[in-house]
């Protein structure tokens, strides 16, 4: 297990608390965490969206 895993224990209590809060809120809104990267979430219907490579300023 390394520092990017969702269950990595080598963090401070505060860091674990905020990681857990993020996971909880994301899951409550239809997202699923990728267990090997705590910051990587997929939306439950992600397959219906095409991959894009655009700047945020281009999004309307």
Protein backbone atom coordinates (compact mmCIF):
# COMPACT_ATOMS: atom_id res chain seq x y z
CA UNK A 1 0.00 0.00 0.00
CA UNK A 2 1.31 3.45 -0.83
CA UNK A 3 0.30 7.01 -0.03
CA UNK A 4 -2.17 7.22 -2.90
CA UNK A 5 -4.32 4.31 -1.70
CA UNK A 6 -7.68 5.30 -0.21
CA UNK A 7 -6.94 3.26 2.93
CA UNK A 8 -3.35 4.43 3.44
CA UNK A 9 -2.74 4.80 7.18
CA UNK A 10 0.42 6.91 7.12
CA UNK A 11 -1.37 10.24 7.49
CA UNK A 12 -2.17 12.53 10.36
CA UNK A 13 -5.57 12.17 12.02
CA UNK A 14 -6.66 15.43 10.42
CA UNK A 15 -5.61 14.28 6.94
CA UNK A 16 -7.51 11.00 7.36
CA UNK A 17 -10.55 12.94 8.57
CA UNK A 18 -10.62 15.18 5.50
CA UNK A 19 -9.93 12.29 3.11
CA UNK A 20 -12.86 10.44 4.69
CA UNK A 21 -15.07 13.52 4.42
CA UNK A 22 -14.25 13.89 0.73
CA UNK A 23 -14.98 10.21 0.09
CA UNK A 24 -18.27 10.37 1.96
CA UNK A 25 -19.49 13.48 0.17
CA UNK A 26 -18.46 12.21 -3.24
CA UNK A 27 -20.18 8.86 -2.69
CA UNK A 28 -23.32 10.64 -1.45
CA UNK A 29 -23.42 12.40 -4.82
CA UNK A 30 -23.07 9.37 -7.10
CA UNK A 31 -19.29 9.09 -7.36
CA UNK A 32 -17.14 6.02 -6.69
CA UNK A 33 -13.55 6.22 -5.49
CA UNK A 34 -10.73 4.44 -7.30
CA UNK A 35 -9.12 2.57 -4.39
CA UNK A 36 -5.53 3.09 -5.58
CA UNK A 37 -5.82 6.89 -5.94
CA UNK A 38 -7.77 8.63 -3.15
CA UNK A 39 -8.29 11.71 -5.36
CA UNK A 40 -9.69 9.76 -8.35
CA UNK A 41 -13.48 9.47 -8.51
CA UNK A 42 -15.79 8.28 -11.28
CA UNK A 43 -19.39 9.34 -11.69
CA UNK A 44 -21.84 6.44 -11.97
CA UNK A 45 -22.72 7.36 -15.57
CA UNK A 46 -19.22 8.31 -16.69
CA UNK A 47 -19.44 5.98 -19.70
CA UNK A 48 -22.06 8.24 -21.30
CA UNK A 49 -19.67 11.19 -21.53
CA UNK A 50 -16.97 11.55 -24.16
CA UNK A 51 -13.43 12.38 -23.12
CA UNK A 52 -12.56 16.00 -23.77
CA UNK A 53 -9.37 18.00 -23.66
CA UNK A 54 -10.50 21.60 -23.36
CA UNK A 55 -9.71 24.56 -21.14
CA UNK A 56 -12.16 25.44 -18.36
CA UNK A 57 -12.55 28.84 -19.97
CA UNK A 58 -14.04 27.09 -23.04
CA UNK A 59 -16.83 25.42 -21.04
CA UNK A 60 -20.12 27.26 -21.32
